[in-house]
Amino acid sequence: MRTTVEVERAGDRVRCVLRAGRLAPRVLTQDDRGVTVALVATGALLLGGDHVHVDVRVGDGVALELVETSGTVAYHGRGRAASWAADVHVGRGASLVWDALPFVVSDGADVTRTTSVHVHDEGAALLRETLVLGRDGQRGGLLRSATRAVVGGRDLLVEELDLTGPHIAPGVLGDARVVDSVLLAGRRPPGGAPGDETRGIVVLDLHGPGALARAVGSAAHVAHVGPLVGRWRAALPVPAVHPHPAADPAAHPTAPTTDPETSTHAPGTTGTDDRSTTCMSPTT
């Protein structure tokens, strides 16, 4: 089932179209710069046979931040594989921040995870991915993870991680169970000398406008790139504010309005079908 988050500029406002799948998008904040959207699981994820697809479209000159309300656990699949895919497009002068929560692969799980990011000129995207092999006391299941980032029509990063078969032997992984990464695509990270909080983090300058930081370790609290996420956000473009007098909140509520052509349920309710909600930022 496909979850869709689309944001675009409509005059001096921002319009967003949200469609719920196994993840239900919900607007948290919204103004004439952009939108913050929460991704809320509508049930247990991921079970054997589950296939989750998140489609993200950020229009020119708009800022979008995606927030996850909980991490994802891939449970024992009982012989059935599962998949998780994200397809992201960021327009000119637009920005996306997706500081994702951990993705845990339990014993018995068989998961394929793919992330595709396309960034247009002058746009930028910041995405975090934390892969955890096993819950507490487990070694973890089978995981294949692929990431491709394209900026201005050119490949910036093409990477595959295969943790199946002999790749999960103790001599290969050692005690490593966590791979925490943050990708900045479309911008070079801000300068400055690394501090003590960045020890253990490897930063790779990519062949193009972008960078990848990674930490590998035995636990999420030991190996994490959190200190760089906030620092790298400063490199993202800030959409211009369209000036207008301050709106009266009572006269112009920010609650989303329903698209009469595509939605048959009230905004804020949970649905797992392809019905959608359309939202507009407040006007004067």
Protein backbone atom coordinates (compact mmCIF):
# COMPACT_ATOMS: atom_id res chain seq x y z
CA MET A 1 0.00 0.00 0.00
CA ARG A 2 1.35 3.39 -0.99
CA THR A 3 1.64 6.39 1.32
CA THR A 4 1.90 9.73 -0.48
CA VAL A 5 3.04 13.13 0.77
CA GLU A 6 2.96 15.90 -1.84
CA VAL A 7 3.61 19.57 -1.07
CA GLU A 8 3.71 22.44 -3.54
CA ARG A 9 3.39 26.18 -3.68
CA ALA A 10 0.01 27.59 -4.67
CA GLY A 11 0.41 31.36 -4.95
CA ASP A 12 1.43 32.67 -1.52
CA ARG A 13 0.35 29.48 0.23
CA VAL A 14 1.53 25.89 0.50
CA ARG A 15 -0.73 23.07 -0.60
CA CYS A 16 -0.26 19.48 0.53
CA VAL A 17 -1.94 16.28 -0.57
CA LEU A 18 -1.73 13.33 1.81
CA ARG A 19 -2.72 9.75 1.05
CA ALA A 20 -2.61 7.02 3.68
CA GLY A 21 -1.26 3.52 3.18
CA ARG A 22 0.36 1.41 5.89
CA LEU A 23 1.64 4.77 7.14
CA ALA A 24 -0.83 7.61 7.63
CA PRO A 25 0.54 11.15 7.07
CA ARG A 26 -0.72 13.84 9.47
CA VAL A 27 0.05 17.57 9.35
CA LEU A 28 1.74 18.84 12.52
CA THR A 29 2.63 22.41 11.54
CA GLN A 30 2.16 24.46 8.41
CA ASP A 31 2.95 27.98 7.22
CA ASP A 32 3.77 29.72 3.96
CA ARG A 33 7.31 28.30 3.99
CA GLY A 34 6.39 24.66 4.27
CA VAL A 35 4.92 21.79 6.24
CA THR A 36 5.87 19.34 8.97
CA VAL A 37 4.17 15.97 8.49
CA ALA A 38 4.10 13.00 10.87
CA LEU A 39 4.11 9.44 9.54
CA VAL A 40 1.94 7.28 11.80
CA ALA A 41 1.80 3.50 11.48
CA THR A 42 -1.76 2.24 11.07
CA GLY A 43 -0.84 -1.22 12.37
CA ALA A 44 2.08 -3.46 13.27
CA LEU A 45 4.99 -3.07 10.81
CA LEU A 46 6.61 -4.96 9.21
CA LEU A 47 5.02 -8.40 9.18
CA GLY A 48 5.83 -11.13 6.69
CA GLY A 49 4.24 -10.24 3.35
CA ASP A 50 4.01 -6.51 4.12
CA HIS A 51 5.11 -4.12 1.37
CA VAL A 52 5.32 -0.47 2.40
CA HIS A 53 5.90 2.29 -0.16
CA VAL A 54 6.32 5.97 0.74
CA ASP A 55 6.12 8.47 -2.12
CA VAL A 56 7.35 12.00 -1.29
CA ARG A 57 7.11 15.00 -3.64
CA VAL A 58 8.40 18.43 -2.56
CA GLY A 59 7.53 21.22 -4.99
CA ASP A 60 9.78 24.12 -5.97
CA GLY A 61 10.58 26.52 -3.14
CA VAL A 62 8.84 24.54 -0.39
CA ALA A 63 10.25 23.05 2.83
CA LEU A 64 9.03 19.68 4.11
CA GLU A 65 10.00 17.88 7.30
CA LEU A 66 8.91 14.29 7.88
CA VAL A 67 8.65 13.08 11.47
CA GLU A 68 8.20 9.45 12.50
CA THR A 69 6.18 8.78 15.64
CA SER A 70 7.85 5.41 16.20
CA GLY A 71 10.60 3.27 14.78
CA THR A 72 9.91 0.34 12.46
CA VAL A 73 10.38 -3.29 13.51
CA ALA A 74 10.50 -6.02 10.88
CA TYR A 75 9.13 -9.05 12.73
CA HIS A 76 9.70 -12.77 12.08
CA GLY A 77 8.23 -13.29 8.63
CA ARG A 78 7.19 -16.95 9.07
CA GLY A 79 8.80 -17.71 5.72
CA ARG A 80 7.44 -14.61 3.96
CA ALA A 81 9.58 -11.65 2.85
CA ALA A 82 8.70 -7.99 3.42
CA SER A 83 9.79 -4.75 1.78
CA TRP A 84 10.03 -1.05 2.60
CA ALA A 85 10.60 1.54 -0.15
CA ALA A 86 10.84 5.33 -0.27
CA ASP A 87 10.74 7.35 -3.49
CA VAL A 88 11.66 11.01 -2.92
CA HIS A 89 11.66 13.97 -5.34
CA VAL A 90 12.78 17.45 -4.22
CA GLY A 91 12.21 20.45 -6.49
CA ARG A 92 14.25 23.58 -7.21
CA GLY A 93 15.03 25.62 -4.12
CA ALA A 94 13.09 23.11 -2.02
CA SER A 95 14.24 21.18 1.03
CA LEU A 96 13.42 17.92 2.77
CA VAL A 97 14.43 16.79 6.26
CA TRP A 98 13.67 13.18 7.19
CA ASP A 99 15.36 12.30 10.48
CA ALA A 100 14.04 8.74 10.54
CA LEU A 101 13.84 6.57 13.64
CA PRO A 102 15.57 3.15 13.84
CA PHE A 103 14.64 0.34 11.46
CA VAL A 104 15.00 -2.93 13.41
CA VAL A 105 15.33 -6.32 11.69
CA SER A 106 14.26 -9.08 14.10
CA ASP A 107 15.30 -12.72 14.03
CA GLY A 108 13.47 -14.52 11.24
CA ALA A 109 12.75 -11.36 9.23
CA ASP A 110 13.62 -11.17 5.52
CA VAL A 111 13.52 -7.54 4.42
CA THR A 112 14.43 -5.51 1.36
CA ARG A 113 14.70 -1.77 1.96
CA THR A 114 15.20 0.72 -0.88
CA THR A 115 15.55 4.50 -0.87
CA SER A 116 15.57 6.60 -4.05
CA VAL A 117 16.21 10.36 -3.83
CA HIS A 118 16.07 12.79 -6.77
CA VAL A 119 17.03 16.40 -6.05
CA HIS A 120 16.71 19.19 -8.62
CA ASP A 121 19.14 22.06 -8.93
CA GLU A 122 19.22 24.40 -5.90
CA GLY A 123 17.25 21.90 -3.84
CA ALA A 124 18.56 19.78 -0.96
CA ALA A 125 17.58 16.74 1.09
CA LEU A 126 18.75 15.47 4.48
CA LEU A 127 17.84 11.86 5.23
CA ARG A 128 18.84 9.69 8.16
CA GLU A 129 18.76 5.90 8.16
CA THR A 130 19.45 3.78 11.25
CA LEU A 131 19.60 0.04 10.58
CA VAL A 132 19.57 -2.24 13.63
CA LEU A 133 20.15 -5.99 13.41
CA GLY A 134 18.00 -7.73 15.97
CA ARG A 135 16.01 -6.73 19.01
CA ASP A 136 17.57 -7.07 22.44
CA GLY A 137 19.38 -10.41 22.68
CA GLN A 138 18.92 -11.24 18.98
CA ARG A 139 21.36 -11.49 16.06
CA GLY A 140 18.87 -10.18 13.53
CA GLY A 141 17.33 -11.45 10.32
CA LEU A 142 18.12 -10.98 6.65
CA LEU A 143 18.45 -7.45 5.27
CA ARG A 144 19.14 -6.01 1.84
CA SER A 145 19.34 -2.22 1.73
CA ALA A 146 19.88 -0.06 -1.36
CA THR A 147 20.18 3.73 -1.60
CA ARG A 148 20.43 5.87 -4.72
CA ALA A 149 20.70 9.67 -4.66
CA VAL A 150 20.59 11.75 -7.85
CA VAL A 151 21.28 15.51 -7.88
CA GLY A 152 20.73 17.59 -11.00
CA GLY A 153 20.32 14.46 -13.09
CA ARG A 154 23.64 12.92 -12.00
CA ASP A 155 24.24 10.08 -9.59
CA LEU A 156 25.58 11.30 -6.25
CA LEU A 157 25.41 8.02 -4.31
CA VAL A 158 24.66 4.45 -5.34
CA GLU A 159 25.06 2.00 -2.47
CA GLU A 160 23.95 -1.52 -1.62
CA LEU A 161 24.24 -3.33 1.71
CA ASP A 162 23.66 -7.09 1.67
CA LEU A 163 23.38 -8.71 5.09
CA THR A 164 22.20 -12.15 4.01
CA GLY A 165 23.86 -15.55 3.77
CA PRO A 166 27.60 -15.54 4.53
CA HIS A 167 27.59 -11.77 5.03
CA ILE A 168 26.13 -12.22 8.52
CA ALA A 169 28.88 -14.57 9.70
CA PRO A 170 30.56 -13.45 12.97
CA GLY A 171 33.88 -12.93 11.20
CA VAL A 172 32.29 -10.36 8.90
CA LEU A 173 30.14 -8.32 11.28
CA GLY A 174 31.94 -8.86 14.56
CA ASP A 175 29.85 -7.26 17.31
CA ALA A 176 28.45 -4.57 15.00
CA ARG A 177 24.65 -4.47 15.04
CA VAL A 178 23.90 -0.84 14.18
CA VAL A 179 24.63 1.16 11.02
CA ASP A 180 23.56 4.80 11.45
CA SER A 181 23.87 7.09 8.41
CA VAL A 182 22.87 10.58 7.39
CA LEU A 183 22.90 11.70 3.76
CA LEU A 184 23.04 15.33 2.65
CA ALA A 185 22.20 15.65 -1.05
CA GLY A 186 22.29 18.91 -2.98
CA ARG A 187 24.58 20.84 -0.61
CA ARG A 188 28.01 20.58 0.89
CA PRO A 189 27.90 20.31 4.69
CA PRO A 190 28.87 23.42 6.66
CA GLY A 191 32.50 23.65 7.72
CA GLY A 192 33.94 23.72 11.19
CA ALA A 193 36.29 21.54 13.17
CA PRO A 194 34.77 18.25 14.42
CA GLY A 195 34.09 18.11 18.14
CA ASP A 196 34.31 15.29 20.64
CA GLU A 197 30.67 14.43 19.99
CA THR A 198 31.52 13.37 16.42
CA ARG A 199 34.15 10.80 17.37
CA GLY A 200 33.48 7.47 15.72
CA ILE A 201 31.61 9.10 12.84
CA VAL A 202 33.12 8.73 9.36
CA VAL A 203 32.26 11.55 6.92
CA LEU A 204 32.56 10.91 3.19
CA ASP A 205 32.64 13.87 0.80
CA LEU A 206 30.77 12.66 -2.26
CA HIS A 207 31.69 13.43 -5.87
CA GLY A 208 29.13 16.18 -6.16
CA PRO A 209 27.13 18.47 -3.88
CA GLY A 210 26.66 16.22 -0.89
CA ALA A 211 28.14 14.12 1.89
CA LEU A 212 27.49 10.91 3.79
CA ALA A 213 28.21 10.42 7.50
CA ARG A 214 28.15 6.99 9.11
CA ALA A 215 28.71 5.33 12.47
CA VAL A 216 28.85 1.57 13.07
CA GLY A 217 28.67 -0.07 16.48
CA SER A 218 27.13 -2.55 18.85
CA ALA A 219 24.19 -0.39 19.99
CA ALA A 220 22.22 2.63 18.81
CA HIS A 221 23.30 4.79 21.74
CA VAL A 222 26.95 4.00 20.95
CA ALA A 223 26.92 4.41 17.17
CA HIS A 224 24.87 7.41 16.12
CA VAL A 225 25.22 10.40 13.81
CA GLY A 226 22.79 12.60 15.75
CA PRO A 227 25.32 15.41 16.40
CA LEU A 228 25.73 15.96 12.65
CA VAL A 229 22.04 15.97 11.78
CA GLY A 230 21.37 19.32 13.45
CA ARG A 231 24.59 20.80 12.11
CA TRP A 232 23.91 19.76 8.53
CA ARG A 233 20.37 21.12 8.59
CA ALA A 234 21.97 24.57 8.49
CA ALA A 235 23.06 23.85 4.90
CA LEU A 236 19.51 23.44 3.63
CA PRO A 237 17.85 26.21 1.61
CA VAL A 238 15.31 28.28 3.51
CA PRO A 239 12.27 29.12 1.37
CA ALA A 240 11.32 32.78 1.28
CA VAL A 241 8.38 33.97 3.35
CA HIS A 242 5.63 35.56 1.28
CA PRO A 243 4.87 38.74 3.24
CA HIS A 244 1.34 39.42 4.41
CA PRO A 245 -0.24 40.74 7.63
CA ALA A 246 -0.46 38.30 10.50
CA ALA A 247 -3.52 36.10 10.18
CA ASP A 248 -6.14 35.91 12.91
CA PRO A 249 -6.04 32.28 14.10
CA ALA A 250 -9.71 32.40 15.01
CA ALA A 251 -10.67 33.64 11.57
CA HIS A 252 -8.24 31.42 9.68
CA PRO A 253 -7.86 28.05 11.41
CA THR A 254 -4.98 25.89 10.26
CA ALA A 255 -6.86 22.61 10.38
CA PRO A 256 -6.67 20.74 7.06
CA THR A 257 -9.63 20.87 4.72
CA THR A 258 -10.88 17.85 2.84
CA ASP A 259 -10.55 17.45 -0.90
CA PRO A 260 -14.17 16.82 -1.97
CA GLU A 261 -13.12 14.93 -5.08
CA THR A 262 -10.85 12.38 -3.41
CA SER A 263 -11.69 12.16 0.29
CA THR A 264 -14.63 10.50 1.98
CA HIS A 265 -13.40 10.72 5.56
CA ALA A 266 -12.67 13.60 7.88
CA PRO A 267 -9.09 14.86 8.23
CA GLY A 268 -7.35 13.35 11.24
CA THR A 269 -9.07 9.98 11.00
CA THR A 270 -7.08 6.88 10.20
CA GLY A 271 -7.55 5.09 6.93
CA THR A 272 -5.42 2.54 5.14
CA ASP A 273 -6.84 2.95 1.66
CA ASP A 274 -5.99 5.45 -1.08
CA ARG A 275 -8.29 8.23 0.11
CA SER A 276 -6.59 11.58 0.49
CA THR A 277 -6.61 14.82 2.42
CA THR A 278 -5.74 18.20 0.91
CA CYS A 279 -4.39 21.00 3.13
CA MET A 280 -3.67 24.68 2.51
CA SER A 281 -1.61 27.04 4.65
CA PRO A 282 -3.60 29.91 6.22
CA THR A 283 -4.29 33.08 4.27
CA THR A 284 -4.98 36.61 5.30
